[in-house]
Amino acid sequence: MKPVDIIAIVAILLTVGAAVFYIVRAKRRGEKCVGCPYAKQCGGKCGGGCGSSKNGKKDKD
């Protein structure tokens, strides 16, 4: 393996690890819709998820 390959693999692993860490932390905080800007306000009470109606279409505010 060339050093460039090793650097690329490490970069990918760090990115995936950071994403998993973010999701785990958000779930422990009680967020229902991880990554949604309204996750704390909505709390997953919407039928199809945060910011959507029961039929899965986006609500018009």
Protein backbone atom coordinates (compact mmCIF):
# COMPACT_ATOMS: atom_id res chain seq x y z
CA MET A 1 0.00 0.00 0.00
CA LYS A 2 1.16 3.46 -0.81
CA PRO A 3 1.08 6.21 1.81
CA VAL A 4 -1.64 7.98 -0.19
CA ASP A 5 -3.89 4.92 0.14
CA ILE A 6 -3.35 4.78 3.89
CA ILE A 7 -4.16 8.49 4.25
CA ALA A 8 -7.35 8.05 2.21
CA ILE A 9 -8.46 5.06 4.29
CA VAL A 10 -7.79 6.91 7.55
CA ALA A 11 -9.73 9.96 6.29
CA ILE A 12 -12.72 7.80 5.36
CA LEU A 13 -12.64 5.98 8.71
CA LEU A 14 -12.47 9.28 10.60
CA THR A 15 -15.43 10.67 8.65
CA VAL A 16 -17.57 7.58 9.24
CA GLY A 17 -16.54 7.48 12.90
CA ALA A 18 -17.45 11.13 13.40
CA ALA A 19 -20.87 10.57 11.80
CA VAL A 20 -21.59 7.57 14.04
CA PHE A 21 -20.44 9.51 17.10
CA TYR A 22 -22.77 12.42 16.20
CA ILE A 23 -25.77 10.11 15.73
CA VAL A 24 -25.14 8.24 18.99
CA ARG A 25 -24.81 11.49 20.95
CA ALA A 26 -27.99 12.90 19.40
CA LYS A 27 -29.96 9.76 20.21
CA ARG A 28 -28.72 9.83 23.83
CA ARG A 29 -29.95 13.44 24.09
CA GLY A 30 -33.38 12.20 23.07
CA GLU A 31 -33.61 13.61 19.56
CA LYS A 32 -36.10 11.69 17.45
CA CYS A 33 -35.13 13.19 14.09
CA VAL A 34 -31.33 13.35 14.06
CA GLY A 35 -30.04 16.12 11.83
CA CYS A 36 -33.41 17.85 11.53
CA PRO A 37 -33.23 21.55 12.49
CA TYR A 38 -36.59 21.16 14.28
CA ALA A 39 -35.71 17.96 16.15
CA LYS A 40 -36.05 19.49 19.60
CA GLN A 41 -39.33 21.23 18.74
CA CYS A 42 -40.95 18.37 16.88
CA GLY A 43 -39.77 15.49 19.02
CA GLY A 44 -40.88 12.96 16.42
CA LYS A 45 -44.57 13.63 17.03
CA CYS A 46 -45.18 14.27 13.35
CA GLY A 47 -46.69 11.29 11.55
CA GLY A 48 -44.04 10.87 8.87
CA GLY A 49 -41.16 12.34 10.80
CA CYS A 50 -39.89 15.79 11.57
CA GLY A 51 -41.34 18.48 9.31
CA SER A 52 -43.69 16.19 7.43
CA SER A 53 -47.32 15.20 7.60
CA LYS A 54 -48.73 11.69 7.99
CA ASN A 55 -48.72 11.00 4.26
CA GLY A 56 -45.02 11.77 4.00
CA LYS A 57 -45.37 15.07 2.11
CA LYS A 58 -43.79 18.21 3.48
CA ASP A 59 -46.05 20.54 5.44
CA LYS A 60 -46.55 24.00 4.05
CA ASP A 61 -45.88 26.54 6.81
